């Protein structure tokens, strides 16, 4: 399988946008965000001086797995689209 930078770029942007669109999950002390694997955790803090950088955790391995899953799905769909398109032009 050949690596396509354009499809990879699309998969990264889709994963980052879905983080804000897809509903989150509240797990006791944290709010988990991300799709399909929750990779960003925002901890619920009672201190008034905590910022987002102090109270959040980003798991890069889970983010990379999400990007890989999205890349594989997008590349599969793109190849199916190209195959269908070439079949239609051959039939004409």
C-alpha atoms as a PDB file:
ATOM      1  CA  UNK A   1       0.000   0.000   0.000  1.00  0.00           C
ATOM      2  CA  UNK A   2       1.388   3.355  -1.045  1.00  0.00           C
ATOM      3  CA  UNK A   3       1.370   6.187   1.495  1.00  0.00           C
ATOM      4  CA  UNK A   4      -0.713   9.161   0.357  1.00  0.00           C
ATOM      5  CA  UNK A   5       0.084  12.425   2.145  1.00  0.00           C
ATOM      6  CA  UNK A   6      -3.137  14.085   1.010  1.00  0.00           C
ATOM      7  CA  UNK A   7      -5.307  11.338   2.500  1.00  0.00           C
ATOM      8  CA  UNK A   8      -3.202  11.392   5.671  1.00  0.00           C
ATOM      9  CA  UNK A   9      -3.755  15.142   5.976  1.00  0.00           C
ATOM     10  CA  UNK A  10      -7.508  14.634   5.561  1.00  0.00           C
ATOM     11  CA  UNK A  11      -7.535  11.938   8.243  1.00  0.00           C
ATOM     12  CA  UNK A  12      -5.678  14.162  10.732  1.00  0.00           C
ATOM     13  CA  UNK A  13      -8.088  17.044  10.188  1.00  0.00           C
ATOM     14  CA  UNK A  14     -11.132  14.780  10.430  1.00  0.00           C
ATOM     15  CA  UNK A  15      -9.946  13.316  13.740  1.00  0.00           C
ATOM     16  CA  UNK A  16      -9.219  16.752  15.195  1.00  0.00           C
ATOM     17  CA  UNK A  17     -12.582  18.162  14.129  1.00  0.00           C
ATOM     18  CA  UNK A  18     -14.464  15.094  15.382  1.00  0.00           C
ATOM     19  CA  UNK A  19     -12.914  15.684  18.800  1.00  0.00           C
ATOM     20  CA  UNK A  20     -15.076  18.772  19.174  1.00  0.00           C
ATOM     21  CA  UNK A  21     -18.192  17.470  17.395  1.00  0.00           C
ATOM     22  CA  UNK A  22     -18.655  13.944  18.769  1.00  0.00           C
ATOM     23  CA  UNK A  23     -20.183  13.751  22.252  1.00  0.00           C
ATOM     24  CA  UNK A  24     -17.768  13.343  25.096  1.00  0.00           C
ATOM     25  CA  UNK A  25     -17.778  10.867  27.957  1.00  0.00           C
ATOM     26  CA  UNK A  26     -17.689  11.839  31.638  1.00  0.00           C
ATOM     27  CA  UNK A  27     -15.776   9.365  33.770  1.00  0.00           C
ATOM     28  CA  UNK A  28     -15.840  10.451  37.410  1.00  0.00           C
ATOM     29  CA  UNK A  29     -12.865  12.792  37.544  1.00  0.00           C
ATOM     30  CA  UNK A  30     -12.368  13.477  33.846  1.00  0.00           C
ATOM     31  CA  UNK A  31     -14.102  14.361  30.615  1.00  0.00           C
ATOM     32  CA  UNK A  32     -12.859  12.151  27.774  1.00  0.00           C
ATOM     33  CA  UNK A  33     -12.883  13.455  24.191  1.00  0.00           C
ATOM     34  CA  UNK A  34     -11.996  11.866  20.873  1.00  0.00           C
ATOM     35  CA  UNK A  35     -13.333   9.396  18.356  1.00  0.00           C
ATOM     36  CA  UNK A  36     -13.201   6.327  18.065  1.00  0.00           C
ATOM     37  CA  UNK A  37     -10.696   6.098  20.937  1.00  0.00           C
ATOM     38  CA  UNK A  38     -10.829   8.781  23.636  1.00  0.00           C
ATOM     39  CA  UNK A  39      -7.359  10.369  23.537  1.00  0.00           C
ATOM     40  CA  UNK A  40      -7.882  13.714  25.285  1.00  0.00           C
ATOM     41  CA  UNK A  41      -8.837  13.911  28.944  1.00  0.00           C
ATOM     42  CA  UNK A  42      -9.833  17.096  30.729  1.00  0.00           C
ATOM     43  CA  UNK A  43      -9.766  16.622  34.491  1.00  0.00           C
ATOM     44  CA  UNK A  44     -12.524  18.228  36.534  1.00  0.00           C
ATOM     45  CA  UNK A  45     -10.860  20.499  39.059  1.00  0.00           C
ATOM     46  CA  UNK A  46     -12.327  22.387  41.971  1.00  0.00           C
ATOM     47  CA  UNK A  47      -9.478  24.889  42.175  1.00  0.00           C
ATOM     48  CA  UNK A  48     -10.321  28.220  40.541  1.00  0.00           C
ATOM     49  CA  UNK A  49      -6.789  28.885  39.259  1.00  0.00           C
ATOM     50  CA  UNK A  50      -6.406  25.784  37.091  1.00  0.00           C
ATOM     51  CA  UNK A  51      -6.061  26.330  33.364  1.00  0.00           C
ATOM     52  CA  UNK A  52      -6.805  23.974  30.486  1.00  0.00           C
ATOM     53  CA  UNK A  53      -3.106  23.100  30.138  1.00  0.00           C
ATOM     54  CA  UNK A  54      -2.851  22.176  33.820  1.00  0.00           C
ATOM     55  CA  UNK A  55      -6.001  20.101  33.867  1.00  0.00           C
ATOM     56  CA  UNK A  56      -5.793  18.168  30.587  1.00  0.00           C
ATOM     57  CA  UNK A  57      -3.950  15.133  29.304  1.00  0.00           C
ATOM     58  CA  UNK A  58      -3.273  14.204  25.682  1.00  0.00           C
ATOM     59  CA  UNK A  59      -2.342  10.613  24.909  1.00  0.00           C
ATOM     60  CA  UNK A  60      -0.319  10.719  21.676  1.00  0.00           C
ATOM     61  CA  UNK A  61      -0.392   6.952  21.130  1.00  0.00           C
ATOM     62  CA  UNK A  62      -4.199   6.887  21.138  1.00  0.00           C
ATOM     63  CA  UNK A  63      -4.246   9.934  18.852  1.00  0.00           C
ATOM     64  CA  UNK A  64      -1.896   8.163  16.422  1.00  0.00           C
ATOM     65  CA  UNK A  65      -4.107   5.062  16.475  1.00  0.00           C
ATOM     66  CA  UNK A  66      -7.165   7.213  15.700  1.00  0.00           C
ATOM     67  CA  UNK A  67      -5.350   8.863  12.794  1.00  0.00           C
ATOM     68  CA  UNK A  68      -4.239   5.460  11.481  1.00  0.00           C
ATOM     69  CA  UNK A  69      -7.796   4.086  11.665  1.00  0.00           C
ATOM     70  CA  UNK A  70      -9.157   7.128   9.839  1.00  0.00           C
ATOM     71  CA  UNK A  71      -6.392   6.931   7.210  1.00  0.00           C
ATOM     72  CA  UNK A  72      -7.105   3.271   6.494  1.00  0.00           C
ATOM     73  CA  UNK A  73     -10.853   3.869   6.188  1.00  0.00           C
ATOM     74  CA  UNK A  74     -10.419   6.924   3.954  1.00  0.00           C
ATOM     75  CA  UNK A  75      -7.880   5.187   1.710  1.00  0.00           C
ATOM     76  CA  UNK A  76     -10.142   2.125   1.381  1.00  0.00           C
ATOM     77  CA  UNK A  77     -13.150   4.264   0.438  1.00  0.00           C
ATOM     78  CA  UNK A  78     -11.031   6.313  -1.959  1.00  0.00           C
ATOM     79  CA  UNK A  79      -9.755   3.166  -3.710  1.00  0.00           C
ATOM     80  CA  UNK A  80     -13.313   1.847  -4.044  1.00  0.00           C
ATOM     81  CA  UNK A  81     -14.359   5.171  -5.554  1.00  0.00           C
ATOM     82  CA  UNK A  82     -11.477   5.111  -8.055  1.00  0.00           C
ATOM     83  CA  UNK A  83     -12.258   1.512  -9.035  1.00  0.00           C
ATOM     84  CA  UNK A  84     -15.939   2.309  -9.607  1.00  0.00           C
ATOM     85  CA  UNK A  85     -15.018   5.379 -11.608  1.00  0.00           C
ATOM     86  CA  UNK A  86     -12.639   3.454 -13.871  1.00  0.00           C
ATOM     87  CA  UNK A  87     -15.239   0.726 -14.427  1.00  0.00           C
ATOM     88  CA  UNK A  88     -17.797   3.312 -15.548  1.00  0.00           C
ATOM     89  CA  UNK A  89     -15.361   4.892 -18.020  1.00  0.00           C
ATOM     90  CA  UNK A  90     -14.418   1.476 -19.464  1.00  0.00           C
ATOM     91  CA  UNK A  91     -18.077   0.598 -20.057  1.00  0.00           C
ATOM     92  CA  UNK A  92     -18.677   3.687 -22.202  1.00  0.00           C
END
